[in-house]
Protein backbone atom coordinates (compact mmCIF):
# COMPACT_ATOMS: atom_id res chain seq x y z
CA MET A 1 0.00 0.00 0.00
CA LYS A 2 2.81 2.40 0.92
CA LYS A 3 4.56 1.68 -2.37
CA ARG A 4 1.42 2.65 -4.27
CA LEU A 5 1.02 5.90 -2.33
CA LYS A 6 4.42 7.23 -3.37
CA PRO A 7 3.74 7.44 -7.14
CA ILE A 8 0.27 8.84 -6.44
CA PHE A 9 1.85 11.55 -4.29
CA ILE A 10 4.33 12.39 -7.06
CA VAL A 11 1.51 12.64 -9.60
CA PHE A 12 -0.44 14.92 -7.26
CA ILE A 13 2.53 17.24 -6.77
CA SER A 14 3.17 17.32 -10.52
CA ILE A 15 -0.44 18.27 -11.24
CA PHE A 16 -0.29 20.97 -8.55
CA LEU A 17 2.82 22.53 -10.09
CA ILE A 18 1.24 22.46 -13.55
CA ILE A 19 -1.85 24.24 -12.22
CA ILE A 20 0.31 26.90 -10.56
CA GLY A 21 2.17 27.37 -13.83
CA ILE A 22 -1.07 27.80 -15.79
CA ILE A 23 -2.36 30.34 -13.27
CA SER A 24 0.92 32.25 -13.52
CA TRP A 25 0.77 32.23 -17.32
CA ILE A 26 -2.82 33.45 -17.34
CA GLY A 27 -1.93 36.23 -14.91
CA ILE A 28 0.84 37.49 -17.17
CA LYS A 29 -1.23 37.14 -20.34
CA ASN A 30 -4.08 39.16 -18.86
CA SER A 31 -1.85 41.86 -17.38
CA ARG A 32 -0.67 45.01 -19.11
CA PHE A 33 2.85 43.60 -19.05
CA SER A 34 4.00 42.31 -22.42
CA LYS A 35 4.59 38.64 -23.17
CA HIS A 36 8.33 39.20 -22.88
CA ASN A 37 8.20 39.36 -19.10
CA PHE A 38 8.44 35.87 -17.69
CA VAL A 39 8.12 33.83 -14.52
CA PHE A 40 10.79 31.94 -12.62
CA MET A 41 9.26 29.01 -10.76
CA ASP A 42 11.26 27.06 -8.21
CA ILE A 43 10.85 23.44 -7.12
CA ARG A 44 8.56 24.50 -4.29
CA GLY A 45 6.03 25.91 -6.72
CA SER A 46 6.58 29.55 -5.74
CA TYR A 47 7.16 32.00 -8.56
CA THR A 48 8.67 35.40 -9.14
CA GLN A 49 8.21 37.61 -12.14
CA VAL A 50 11.39 38.77 -13.84
CA ILE A 51 10.68 42.18 -15.32
CA THR A 52 12.01 43.12 -18.75
CA GLU A 53 9.50 45.79 -19.74
CA GLY A 54 6.38 47.64 -18.70
CA THR A 55 3.07 48.60 -20.23
CA ARG A 56 2.92 48.88 -24.02
CA GLU A 57 -0.14 51.12 -23.76
CA GLU A 58 1.64 54.36 -22.86
CA LYS A 59 4.62 56.22 -24.36
CA VAL A 60 6.88 55.79 -21.38
CA ILE A 61 10.46 54.52 -21.16
CA ALA A 62 12.68 53.62 -18.21
CA LEU A 63 16.33 54.55 -18.64
CA THR A 64 18.58 52.53 -16.34
CA PHE A 65 22.26 52.99 -15.53
CA ASP A 66 24.42 50.25 -14.01
CA ASP A 67 27.68 50.06 -12.06
CA GLY A 68 27.97 53.64 -10.77
CA PRO A 69 28.26 56.15 -9.45
CA HIS A 70 31.33 57.41 -11.31
CA PRO A 71 32.93 60.79 -10.48
CA GLU A 72 33.21 61.87 -14.13
CA PHE A 73 30.31 60.27 -16.01
CA THR A 74 27.51 60.26 -13.43
CA PRO A 75 27.42 64.07 -12.95
CA GLN A 76 27.29 64.59 -16.72
CA ILE A 77 24.45 62.10 -17.04
CA LEU A 78 22.55 63.78 -14.21
CA ASP A 79 22.98 67.17 -15.89
CA LEU A 80 21.54 65.81 -19.15
CA LEU A 81 18.62 64.14 -17.39
CA LYS A 82 17.79 67.41 -15.67
CA GLU A 83 18.03 69.33 -18.95
CA TYR A 84 15.47 67.04 -20.61
CA GLU A 85 13.28 66.60 -17.52
CA ALA A 86 13.96 62.87 -17.56
CA LYS A 87 13.88 60.50 -14.61
CA ALA A 88 15.99 57.35 -14.48
CA THR A 89 16.93 54.42 -12.28
CA PHE A 90 20.52 53.93 -11.15
CA PHE A 91 21.47 50.36 -10.26
CA ILE A 92 24.27 51.09 -7.86
CA LEU A 93 27.29 49.09 -6.76
CA GLY A 94 27.71 49.37 -3.00
CA LYS A 95 31.47 49.85 -3.26
CA GLN A 96 30.95 52.83 -5.59
CA ALA A 97 28.29 54.32 -3.34
CA LYS A 98 30.77 54.28 -0.44
CA LEU A 99 33.32 56.12 -2.56
CA TYR A 100 30.93 58.75 -3.92
CA PRO A 101 28.05 59.23 -1.45
CA ASP A 102 27.37 62.79 -2.60
CA LEU A 103 26.50 61.52 -6.08
CA VAL A 104 24.11 58.99 -4.60
CA LYS A 105 22.45 61.78 -2.61
CA ARG A 106 22.21 63.92 -5.73
CA GLU A 107 20.48 61.11 -7.64
CA VAL A 108 17.79 60.94 -4.97
CA GLU A 109 17.47 64.72 -4.61
CA GLU A 110 16.85 65.05 -8.35
CA GLY A 111 14.03 62.51 -8.33
CA HIS A 112 15.75 59.41 -9.64
CA GLU A 113 15.37 55.89 -8.31
CA LEU A 114 18.11 53.80 -6.76
CA GLY A 115 18.43 50.08 -7.41
CA ASN A 116 20.67 47.40 -5.92
CA HIS A 117 23.37 45.93 -8.21
CA THR A 118 25.32 44.06 -5.47
CA PHE A 119 28.33 45.45 -3.66
CA SER A 120 31.16 44.40 -5.97
CA HIS A 121 29.51 43.11 -9.16
CA ILE A 122 29.78 39.42 -8.35
CA ASP A 123 28.87 36.59 -10.70
CA VAL A 124 25.80 35.19 -8.98
CA LYS A 125 26.00 31.96 -10.97
CA LYS A 126 29.24 31.09 -9.17
CA ALA A 127 28.40 32.54 -5.75
CA SER A 128 26.77 30.81 -2.80
CA LYS A 129 23.43 32.03 -1.54
CA GLU A 130 25.19 33.37 1.56
CA LYS A 131 27.58 35.40 -0.60
CA ILE A 132 24.75 36.78 -2.72
CA ARG A 133 22.84 37.74 0.42
CA GLU A 134 25.93 39.40 1.90
CA GLU A 135 26.58 41.44 -1.27
CA PHE A 136 22.94 42.42 -1.55
CA GLN A 137 22.58 43.41 2.09
CA LYS A 138 25.82 45.40 2.20
CA THR A 139 24.54 47.46 -0.71
CA GLN A 140 21.12 47.96 0.86
CA ASP A 141 22.75 49.08 4.11
CA THR A 142 25.22 51.38 2.35
CA ILE A 143 22.51 53.12 0.35
CA TYR A 144 20.31 53.41 3.44
CA LEU A 145 23.09 55.04 5.47
CA ILE A 146 23.60 57.60 2.70
CA THR A 147 19.99 58.34 1.76
CA GLY A 148 17.62 56.78 4.30
CA ILE A 149 16.18 54.70 1.44
CA LYS A 150 16.34 50.97 0.83
CA PRO A 151 15.98 50.09 -2.87
CA LYS A 152 13.00 48.01 -3.96
CA VAL A 153 14.43 46.99 -7.32
CA PHE A 154 17.36 44.65 -7.90
CA ARG A 155 19.37 43.94 -11.04
CA PRO A 156 21.80 41.04 -10.71
CA PRO A 157 25.15 41.69 -12.42
CA TYR A 158 25.28 40.60 -16.08
CA GLY A 159 21.53 39.99 -15.88
CA PHE A 160 22.23 36.52 -14.46
CA TYR A 161 19.78 35.07 -11.97
CA ASN A 162 18.92 31.74 -10.41
CA GLU A 163 16.92 30.37 -7.51
CA LYS A 164 19.42 31.72 -4.97
CA THR A 165 19.18 35.22 -6.43
CA ILE A 166 15.40 35.07 -6.55
CA ASP A 167 15.25 33.99 -2.90
CA VAL A 168 17.44 36.88 -1.75
CA ALA A 169 15.32 39.38 -3.69
CA ASN A 170 12.10 37.94 -2.28
CA GLU A 171 13.45 38.01 1.27
CA ASN A 172 13.88 41.77 0.90
CA GLY A 173 10.71 42.54 -1.04
CA CYS A 174 12.65 43.49 -4.17
CA LYS A 175 11.64 43.01 -7.78
CA ILE A 176 14.16 41.55 -10.24
CA ILE A 177 14.64 44.02 -13.11
CA LEU A 178 16.47 43.15 -16.31
CA TRP A 179 16.02 45.07 -19.58
CA SER A 180 14.04 44.88 -22.81
CA ARG A 181 15.22 42.34 -25.35
CA ASN A 182 16.34 44.91 -27.92
CA GLN A 183 17.64 47.49 -25.47
CA ASP A 184 21.09 46.31 -24.42
CA SER A 185 23.13 49.23 -25.75
CA LYS A 186 26.42 47.42 -25.00
CA ASP A 187 27.81 50.84 -24.13
CA TRP A 188 30.18 49.12 -21.69
CA SER A 189 32.19 47.94 -24.72
CA SER A 190 32.64 51.52 -26.00
CA PRO A 191 31.21 50.68 -29.45
CA GLY A 192 30.99 54.31 -30.54
CA VAL A 193 28.29 56.95 -30.15
CA ASP A 194 26.45 56.06 -33.37
CA LYS A 195 26.19 52.39 -32.43
CA ILE A 196 24.69 53.16 -29.02
CA VAL A 197 22.28 55.72 -30.46
CA ASN A 198 21.10 53.43 -33.25
CA THR A 199 20.60 50.49 -30.90
CA VAL A 200 18.36 52.56 -28.66
CA ILE A 201 16.34 54.81 -30.95
CA THR A 202 15.69 52.41 -33.84
CA LYS A 203 14.21 49.73 -31.60
CA THR A 204 12.36 51.77 -28.99
CA GLU A 205 8.88 50.62 -28.01
CA ASN A 206 6.46 51.80 -25.36
CA GLY A 207 7.40 50.45 -21.96
CA ASP A 208 11.01 49.65 -22.78
CA ILE A 209 13.62 49.31 -20.06
CA ILE A 210 16.88 50.54 -21.58
CA LEU A 211 20.24 49.30 -20.30
CA LEU A 212 23.08 51.83 -20.06
CA HIS A 213 26.08 52.30 -17.76
CA ASP A 214 27.36 55.31 -15.83
CA TYR A 215 30.59 53.53 -14.91
CA ILE A 216 32.77 52.30 -17.75
CA GLU A 217 36.48 51.66 -17.50
CA GLY A 218 38.33 53.64 -20.12
CA ASN A 219 36.58 55.69 -22.77
CA SER A 220 32.81 56.02 -22.38
CA HIS A 221 30.53 57.02 -25.26
CA THR A 222 27.37 56.97 -23.16
CA VAL A 223 27.22 60.66 -22.31
CA ASP A 224 27.57 61.76 -25.93
CA ALA A 225 25.01 59.16 -26.99
CA LEU A 226 22.52 60.53 -24.46
CA LYS A 227 22.88 63.97 -26.01
CA VAL A 228 21.21 62.46 -29.08
CA ILE A 229 18.92 59.87 -27.49
CA LEU A 230 17.19 62.15 -24.98
CA PRO A 231 16.03 64.92 -27.34
CA HIS A 232 15.16 62.43 -30.10
CA LEU A 233 12.89 60.29 -27.94
CA LYS A 234 11.41 63.30 -26.17
CA ASN A 235 10.48 64.79 -29.55
CA LYS A 236 8.82 61.47 -30.39
CA GLY A 237 6.54 61.99 -27.40
CA TYR A 238 8.17 59.60 -24.96
CA ARG A 239 8.23 60.31 -21.24
CA PHE A 240 11.18 59.08 -19.17
CA VAL A 241 10.17 57.49 -15.85
CA THR A 242 11.79 55.43 -13.11
CA VAL A 243 11.39 51.66 -13.12
CA SER A 244 8.98 51.78 -10.18
CA GLU A 245 6.88 54.41 -11.96
CA LEU A 246 6.82 52.18 -15.03
CA LEU A 247 5.61 49.26 -12.94
CA ASP A 248 2.94 51.42 -11.31
CA LEU A 249 1.56 52.11 -14.79
CA SER A 250 1.43 48.37 -15.46
CA SER A 251 -0.47 45.57 -13.77
CA THR A 252 1.84 44.03 -11.18
CA TYR A 253 1.71 40.94 -9.01
């Protein structure tokens, strides 16, 4: 009798997980999020949405900047954002925040959002859950000490994520934010201003999350690219919002 119960139990669990998956899929399909957002489901049947874009129904875009702040590039980017009345989200490295706290304060004072990007840009695929948690928490604490704010959005370095990363984000009530499929500018590779501009403006859609960097070792083309991108998209009628504002305009879970 006991031997028969075991396969029945396995079948029951399998059916349960399938039902959860269908419910998750229906929730996404009926939301204002596009089909390109997706769900990570772990072996326990819990799920977390990984965000790559927002509503397609409004002309809004979320500019995001990773790896800063940087003493040269971040102030120039902030000046340009102010000039074009654009808001953005800065996914900050904790070690950089400790070096340049005044820039972190300025980002908040000028209405931008802060996100967690770990303390030292670790590869989460190779790190233990304890290490991921340590890097995440050190960054949360560093930003809180500087600004009194704890970020609610988290972008794992390189856009890598796994069950360990998801768990750490969930423990802290943070959403995992990546970027839209056509909006990796690859500005970190210094491909030239024209390449960055063309990648962004020729593929822009409502609700896009655009990936840029305010810290790049060596020669950065991002600032000069923004001098073209910001006025061009603004003239097209786009409004630049933070990631959390973008999510507020969309149906969330």
